[in-house]
Protein backbone atom coordinates (compact mmCIF):
# COMPACT_ATOMS: atom_id res chain seq x y z
CA LEU A 1 96.08 -44.38 15.34
CA MET A 2 93.21 -46.41 16.77
CA LEU A 3 94.35 -49.46 14.80
CA VAL A 4 97.87 -49.08 16.17
CA LEU A 5 96.54 -48.79 19.71
CA PHE A 6 94.43 -51.93 19.26
CA GLN A 7 97.42 -53.86 17.92
CA GLU A 8 99.59 -52.70 20.79
CA ARG A 9 96.90 -53.70 23.27
CA VAL A 10 96.68 -57.17 21.73
CA ARG A 11 100.45 -57.63 22.04
CA GLN A 12 100.32 -56.58 25.70
CA LEU A 13 97.40 -58.89 26.38
CA GLU A 14 99.16 -61.82 24.70
CA ALA A 15 102.07 -61.32 27.11
CA ASP A 16 99.59 -61.11 29.98
CA GLN A 17 97.96 -64.30 28.70
CA GLN A 18 101.23 -66.23 28.93
CA GLU A 19 101.75 -65.05 32.50
CA ALA A 20 98.13 -65.80 33.46
CA ASP A 21 98.35 -69.30 31.96
CA SER A 22 101.55 -69.94 33.89
CA VAL A 23 99.90 -68.87 37.14
CA ARG A 24 96.85 -70.99 36.37
CA GLU A 25 99.00 -74.08 35.74
CA GLU A 26 100.82 -73.47 39.04
CA LYS A 27 97.56 -73.09 40.96
CA GLU A 28 96.12 -76.18 39.26
CA ALA A 29 99.12 -78.27 40.38
CA LEU A 30 98.70 -77.01 43.95
CA LYS A 31 94.99 -77.77 43.79
CA ARG A 32 95.58 -81.34 42.61
CA ALA A 33 98.12 -81.95 45.37
CA ALA A 34 95.81 -80.57 48.06
CA GLU A 35 92.85 -82.56 46.72
CA GLU A 36 94.86 -85.80 46.74
CA VAL A 37 95.59 -85.34 50.45
CA GLU A 38 91.98 -84.37 51.09
CA SER A 39 90.71 -87.40 49.18
CA ARG A 40 92.83 -89.82 51.20
CA VAL A 41 91.67 -88.32 54.50
CA LEU A 42 88.01 -88.24 53.50
CA GLU A 43 88.17 -91.80 52.22
CA GLN A 44 89.23 -92.87 55.72
CA TYR A 45 86.24 -91.05 57.16
CA ARG A 46 83.90 -92.59 54.61
CA ARG A 47 85.22 -96.05 55.42
CA VAL A 48 84.73 -95.51 59.15
CA GLU A 49 81.21 -94.11 58.57
CA GLU A 50 80.30 -97.07 56.36
CA GLU A 51 81.55 -99.51 58.99
CA GLU A 52 79.51 -97.67 61.62
CA ARG A 53 76.39 -97.81 59.44
CA GLN A 54 76.95 -101.51 58.87
CA ARG A 55 77.25 -102.13 62.59
CA GLU A 56 74.04 -100.20 63.24
CA THR A 57 72.26 -102.16 60.52
CA GLU A 58 73.44 -105.49 61.89
CA LYS A 59 72.48 -104.46 65.41
CA LEU A 60 68.95 -103.55 64.35
CA ALA A 61 68.67 -106.68 62.22
CA PHE A 62 69.82 -108.91 65.07
CA GLU A 63 67.30 -107.35 67.43
CA GLN A 64 64.52 -108.23 64.98
CA PHE A 65 65.92 -111.72 64.37
CA HIS A 66 66.03 -112.34 68.10
CA ARG A 67 62.46 -111.03 68.48
CA LEU A 68 61.09 -113.15 65.66
CA ASP A 69 62.96 -116.29 66.76
CA SER A 70 60.39 -117.12 69.43
CA ASN A 71 61.88 -120.49 70.38
CA GLN A 72 65.39 -119.00 70.42
CA ASP A 73 66.90 -121.91 68.49
CA GLY A 74 68.94 -119.62 66.22
CA ARG A 75 66.77 -120.16 63.14
CA LEU A 76 63.60 -118.56 61.80
CA GLU A 77 60.94 -120.97 60.62
CA ALA A 78 57.67 -120.58 58.75
CA ALA A 79 55.61 -121.02 61.90
CA GLU A 80 57.37 -118.06 63.50
CA ILE A 81 56.77 -115.89 60.45
CA THR A 82 53.04 -116.63 60.18
CA THR A 83 52.41 -115.15 63.65
CA GLN A 84 53.58 -111.68 62.54
CA THR A 85 50.78 -109.59 61.04
CA MET A 86 53.21 -107.13 59.44
CA PHE A 87 54.12 -109.85 56.93
CA ASP A 88 50.48 -110.03 55.78
CA GLN A 89 51.11 -107.74 52.84
CA ASN A 90 47.76 -108.19 51.09
CA LYS A 91 45.92 -107.60 54.39
CA ASP A 92 43.69 -110.67 54.05
CA GLY A 93 44.09 -111.56 57.73
CA ALA A 94 46.69 -114.32 57.32
CA VAL A 95 50.33 -114.69 56.27
CA SER A 96 50.21 -116.91 53.19
CA ASP A 97 52.78 -119.47 52.06
CA GLU A 98 53.89 -117.09 49.31
CA GLU A 99 54.44 -114.32 51.82
CA VAL A 100 56.43 -116.72 54.03
CA LYS A 101 58.60 -117.74 51.08
CA LEU A 102 59.27 -114.06 50.36
CA ILE A 103 60.46 -113.45 53.91
CA LEU A 104 62.52 -116.65 54.13
CA ALA A 105 63.93 -116.18 50.59
CA GLY A 106 62.48 -119.51 49.50
CA HIS A 107 63.97 -121.50 52.39
CA ASP A 108 62.12 -123.55 55.01
CA SER A 109 64.12 -121.74 57.67
CA VAL A 110 67.02 -119.28 57.81
CA SER A 111 70.00 -118.82 60.09
CA TRP A 112 71.13 -115.47 61.40
CA GLU A 113 73.62 -115.10 58.52
CA GLN A 114 70.96 -115.99 55.93
CA PHE A 115 68.50 -113.62 57.61
CA LEU A 116 70.95 -110.73 57.44
CA GLU A 117 71.79 -111.35 53.78
CA SER A 118 68.41 -112.30 52.32
CA SER A 119 65.52 -111.71 54.71
CA TRP A 120 66.48 -108.41 56.32
CA PRO A 121 66.39 -106.36 53.06
CA VAL A 122 62.75 -107.48 52.67
CA ILE A 123 61.74 -107.12 56.32
CA ARG A 124 63.28 -103.71 56.97
CA PRO A 125 60.93 -101.66 54.73
CA LEU A 126 57.96 -103.61 56.10
CA LEU A 127 59.08 -102.80 59.62
CA GLN A 128 59.44 -99.13 58.78
CA LEU A 129 56.01 -99.14 57.16
CA GLU A 130 54.48 -100.73 60.22
CA LYS A 131 55.99 -98.12 62.49
CA GLY A 132 54.70 -95.38 60.25
CA LEU A 133 51.17 -96.82 60.24
CA PHE A 134 50.86 -97.42 63.96
CA GLN A 135 52.92 -94.55 65.34
CA PRO A 136 50.58 -92.40 67.51
CA PRO A 137 50.42 -88.70 66.72
CA SER A 138 52.68 -86.48 68.77
CA THR A 139 50.99 -84.61 71.60
CA GLU A 140 52.86 -81.48 70.52
CA ASP A 141 51.20 -81.49 67.10
CA GLU A 142 48.00 -79.51 66.74
CA PRO A 143 44.94 -81.61 65.70
CA VAL A 144 44.09 -81.33 62.04
CA ASP A 145 40.40 -80.59 62.59
CA GLN A 146 41.30 -77.73 64.91
CA GLU A 147 43.51 -76.24 62.23
CA GLU A 148 40.72 -76.46 59.68
CA GLU A 149 38.35 -74.60 62.03
CA GLN A 150 40.71 -71.63 62.33
CA GLY A 151 39.66 -70.39 58.90
CA ASP A 152 41.55 -68.72 56.08
CA GLU A 153 41.77 -65.32 57.75
CA GLU A 154 43.59 -66.61 60.84
CA GLU A 155 46.00 -68.62 58.67
CA GLU A 156 46.83 -65.50 56.68
CA GLU A 157 47.39 -63.55 59.89
CA GLU A 158 49.73 -66.23 61.21
CA GLU A 159 51.68 -66.23 57.95
CA ASP A 160 51.98 -62.45 58.07
CA GLN A 161 53.22 -62.64 61.66
CA GLU A 162 55.78 -65.27 60.71
CA GLU A 163 57.02 -63.11 57.86
CA GLU A 164 57.32 -60.12 60.18
CA VAL A 165 59.32 -62.16 62.64
CA GLU A 166 61.65 -63.32 59.87
CA ASP A 167 62.04 -59.79 58.55
CA ASP A 168 62.93 -58.52 62.00
CA GLY A 169 65.62 -61.17 62.29
CA LYS A 170 64.27 -62.28 65.68
CA ALA A 171 62.67 -65.58 64.77
CA THR A 172 65.47 -67.55 66.38
CA SER A 173 67.03 -66.52 69.66
CA GLN A 174 70.70 -66.93 70.43
CA GLU A 175 69.90 -69.78 72.78
CA ASP A 176 67.96 -71.64 70.06
CA THR A 177 70.83 -71.15 67.63
CA THR A 178 73.24 -72.58 70.15
CA THR A 179 71.15 -75.66 70.81
CA THR A 180 70.70 -76.46 67.11
CA GLU A 181 74.39 -76.18 66.20
CA GLN A 182 75.78 -79.44 64.91
CA PRO A 183 79.10 -80.71 66.26
CA PRO A 184 82.04 -80.54 63.85
CA LYS A 185 82.03 -83.47 61.45
CA TYR A 186 85.82 -83.73 61.30
CA ASP A 187 88.62 -83.39 63.79
CA ASP A 188 90.77 -80.24 63.70
CA GLU A 189 93.58 -81.81 61.67
CA THR A 190 91.21 -83.17 59.02
CA GLN A 191 89.26 -79.90 58.86
CA ALA A 192 92.53 -78.02 58.33
CA ILE A 193 93.31 -80.28 55.35
CA ILE A 194 89.83 -79.66 53.91
CA ASP A 195 90.20 -75.89 54.41
CA GLU A 196 93.56 -75.97 52.65
CA ALA A 197 92.04 -77.83 49.70
CA ASN A 198 89.19 -75.28 49.54
CA LYS A 199 91.71 -72.43 49.45
CA ALA A 200 93.63 -74.17 46.67
CA ARG A 201 90.42 -74.60 44.68
CA GLU A 202 89.49 -70.95 45.14
CA ALA A 203 92.99 -69.82 44.10
CA TYR A 204 92.82 -71.96 40.96
CA GLU A 205 89.33 -70.71 40.09
CA GLU A 206 90.52 -67.11 40.41
CA ALA A 207 93.60 -67.78 38.24
CA ASP A 208 91.42 -69.56 35.69
CA ARG A 209 88.99 -66.62 35.65
CA VAL A 210 91.82 -64.14 35.03
CA SER A 211 93.17 -66.28 32.19
CA ARG A 212 89.74 -66.58 30.58
CA ASP A 213 89.11 -62.83 30.93
CA VAL A 214 92.38 -62.01 29.17
CA ALA A 215 91.63 -64.54 26.42
CA ARG A 216 88.16 -63.06 25.98
CA GLU A 217 89.54 -59.52 25.63
CA ILE A 218 92.13 -60.69 23.09
CA LYS A 219 89.39 -62.35 21.06
CA GLN A 220 87.23 -59.23 21.15
CA LEU A 221 90.11 -57.01 20.03
CA GLN A 222 91.11 -59.42 17.27
CA GLU A 223 87.53 -59.49 16.03
CA ALA A 224 87.50 -55.67 16.11
CA LEU A 225 90.74 -55.57 14.11
CA GLU A 226 89.24 -57.91 11.52
CA LYS A 227 86.20 -55.68 11.06
CA ASP A 228 86.12 -53.07 8.34
CA VAL A 229 86.13 -49.76 10.22
CA GLY A 230 86.68 -47.50 7.22
CA GLU A 231 89.34 -46.88 4.60
CA ASP A 232 91.42 -44.91 7.09
CA ASP A 233 89.97 -46.55 10.23
CA GLU A 234 87.87 -43.44 10.68
CA PHE A 235 85.07 -45.42 12.34
CA ALA A 236 87.35 -47.36 14.72
CA PRO A 237 86.53 -45.05 17.67
CA LEU A 238 82.91 -46.27 17.46
CA ALA A 239 83.87 -49.86 18.28
CA GLY A 240 82.96 -50.72 21.87
CA GLU A 241 80.65 -47.70 22.20
CA CYS A 242 76.84 -47.59 22.33
CA PHE A 243 74.42 -44.76 21.51
CA GLU A 244 70.76 -44.50 22.56
CA LEU A 245 67.68 -42.70 21.36
CA THR A 246 64.36 -42.73 23.22
CA ASP A 247 61.03 -41.93 21.59
CA THR A 248 57.52 -42.08 23.01
CA GLU A 249 57.49 -45.87 23.31
CA TYR A 250 60.97 -47.37 23.05
CA THR A 251 64.63 -46.83 23.75
CA TYR A 252 66.79 -47.80 20.79
CA LYS A 253 70.46 -48.63 21.26
CA LEU A 254 73.08 -48.78 18.51
CA CYS A 255 76.39 -50.46 19.34
CA PRO A 256 78.42 -50.01 16.14
CA PHE A 257 79.95 -53.22 14.77
CA ASP A 258 78.01 -55.20 17.39
CA GLN A 259 74.21 -54.95 17.48
CA VAL A 260 71.06 -52.82 17.52
CA THR A 261 68.46 -53.33 20.27
CA GLN A 262 65.08 -52.03 21.32
CA ARG A 263 63.65 -51.87 24.86
CA SER A 264 60.21 -50.73 25.95
CA LYS A 265 60.15 -47.63 28.16
CA SER A 266 57.90 -49.57 30.54
CA GLY A 267 60.66 -52.11 31.14
CA GLY A 268 61.30 -55.68 30.08
CA VAL A 269 64.12 -57.33 28.18
CA GLU A 270 65.86 -55.94 25.14
CA THR A 271 64.85 -57.09 21.67
CA ARG A 272 67.68 -57.52 19.22
CA LEU A 273 66.93 -55.65 16.00
CA GLY A 274 70.00 -57.04 14.28
CA ALA A 275 73.63 -58.05 14.68
CA TRP A 276 76.49 -56.45 12.77
CA GLY A 277 76.50 -57.61 9.16
CA SER A 278 78.37 -55.43 6.70
CA TRP A 279 78.68 -52.09 4.92
CA VAL A 280 75.96 -51.78 2.26
CA GLY A 281 76.28 -48.20 1.06
CA PRO A 282 75.53 -47.43 -2.61
CA GLY A 283 78.17 -47.26 -5.32
CA ASP A 284 81.65 -46.25 -4.29
CA ASN A 285 80.49 -45.00 -0.91
CA LYS A 286 79.79 -48.29 0.87
CA TYR A 287 80.61 -46.63 4.23
CA HIS A 288 77.45 -44.58 3.96
CA MET A 289 75.19 -47.42 5.19
CA MET A 290 75.45 -50.21 7.78
CA LEU A 291 73.39 -53.41 7.83
CA TYR A 292 72.52 -55.20 11.06
CA ASP A 293 70.67 -58.45 10.35
CA ARG A 294 69.89 -61.80 12.05
CA GLY A 295 67.85 -60.10 14.77
CA GLN A 296 65.10 -61.73 16.81
CA SER A 297 62.27 -63.13 14.74
CA CYS A 298 58.97 -61.30 14.66
CA TRP A 299 55.80 -63.15 15.60
CA ASN A 300 54.90 -65.16 12.48
CA GLY A 301 57.34 -63.00 10.58
CA PRO A 302 60.98 -62.67 9.44
CA GLN A 303 64.04 -61.93 11.53
CA ARG A 304 64.41 -58.29 12.42
CA SER A 305 67.01 -56.20 10.61
CA THR A 306 68.19 -52.60 10.71
CA HIS A 307 69.81 -50.32 8.15
CA VAL A 308 71.86 -47.48 9.65
CA ARG A 309 72.64 -44.46 7.47
CA LEU A 310 75.71 -42.50 8.52
CA ASN A 311 75.61 -38.73 8.26
CA CYS A 312 78.25 -36.11 8.87
CA GLY A 313 78.08 -34.57 12.34
CA THR A 314 80.29 -33.07 14.97
CA GLU A 315 79.16 -35.66 17.53
CA SER A 316 78.27 -39.34 17.33
CA ALA A 317 74.55 -39.78 18.04
CA VAL A 318 71.44 -41.64 16.88
CA THR A 319 69.16 -38.96 15.43
CA SER A 320 66.09 -40.93 14.29
CA VAL A 321 64.57 -44.42 14.09
CA SER A 322 61.69 -45.66 11.95
CA GLU A 323 60.12 -48.95 10.85
CA PRO A 324 59.27 -48.51 7.14
CA ASN A 325 58.37 -52.20 6.79
CA ARG A 326 57.34 -54.81 9.32
CA CYS A 327 60.42 -56.00 11.23
CA GLU A 328 62.69 -53.78 9.09
CA TYR A 329 64.09 -50.73 10.85
CA PHE A 330 65.88 -47.65 9.56
CA MET A 331 68.18 -45.58 11.74
CA GLU A 332 69.94 -42.27 11.14
CA PHE A 333 73.33 -41.90 12.83
CA SER A 334 75.55 -38.83 12.75
CA THR A 335 79.28 -39.09 13.43
CA PRO A 336 82.45 -37.13 12.57
CA GLY A 337 83.85 -40.23 10.83
CA ALA A 338 81.24 -39.81 8.09
CA CYS A 339 82.42 -36.31 7.20
CA ARG A 340 85.65 -37.46 5.56
CA LEU A 341 86.73 -33.91 4.86
CA ALA A 342 89.67 -33.56 2.53
CA ARG A 343 91.96 -30.59 2.52
CA GLY A 344 90.58 -27.78 0.41
CA ASP A 345 87.00 -29.12 0.28
CA SER A 346 85.41 -25.82 1.21
CA ARG A 347 81.86 -26.95 0.56
CA ALA A 348 82.20 -29.79 3.06
CA ARG A 349 83.92 -27.42 5.47
CA ARG A 350 81.01 -25.00 5.27
CA ALA A 351 78.50 -27.83 5.84
CA VAL A 352 80.15 -28.86 9.07
CA ALA A 353 80.99 -25.35 10.17
CA GLY A 354 77.35 -24.35 9.73
CA SER A 355 76.32 -26.92 12.30
CA LEU A 356 78.66 -25.51 14.93
CA ALA A 357 77.76 -22.90 17.48
CA PRO A 358 79.14 -19.38 16.83
CA GLY A 359 82.67 -18.97 18.10
CA THR A 360 83.40 -22.72 18.05
CA ASN A 361 86.89 -23.58 16.80
CA VAL A 362 87.54 -27.00 15.31
CA ARG A 363 90.15 -28.40 12.94
CA LEU A 364 88.39 -29.96 9.98
CA ASP A 365 91.34 -30.82 7.77
CA HIS A 366 91.96 -34.19 9.46
CA VAL A 367 88.49 -35.31 10.65
């Protein structure tokens, strides 16, 4: 019955997969169309911004060219460069011929156009460095030596106060928030196009997630169908379930046909004691023992593994766990699927019936 239900679920999911893929393709087409419009609009903005940056660069460069061109003849010459201490890069007190050649790109003199193309890329970082070196400290900044004299205790108190302010949510007043708001980067029409593209992306991502979720469930069910869950699928109900047992130190978890894990009672991550391997029961009764191998490696030791012995029981539960050898675990697991009672097997009937509470009624002929 469980096998039939799994197969029916797979068929339903395969139909859902076709529908989900169709929706995903539709949302992907809408996303591409919206992004094409968005890309064209944003490219216009990027072009305008680049032109604006170029104008600002040329304006700043021309101001420096005009300042350095002391005789205002429209060309920069070596004599005009040697008077500028910021070009003395080795700080020897004079601008050398090599430093002049660097600024003038090897020419005796440069025009405005040559300056912008060749000299300005060299001068600009030097100009920024000079401003950084000679910029006076802000009067609003607290002197460094005064901060050092406050001591560690006052710094800790200030940090605590700042954290309290942040926790209270009152660090920034409404007026401060208003003053720091940035103006919209795009006009309303462009922002509407961007918002529409964002919605299309979100819709596609949701459709893609649904499709992947369905595909994942189909894969899991197909893997479950391929697993050996007993001659008559008597162990199929265990698939997808997990059972725990906690002792004085650890909590052990058995997920049949998946994995066995161990977690310390004090917390921390789970340690995998093995992944589903195969049935390894003795003789004709291979369904009497499970093997979970390929677990996490022990320190300077082998990979962990767990043997699980199945016993007849009215409920599915882990009853004991031991470690007979280093990194090798042994688990006892009781489950009705292990009873395999046949009609007329009175001895087996008595064994199960003896474990039931008085007055309990249960049909044993089909367990």
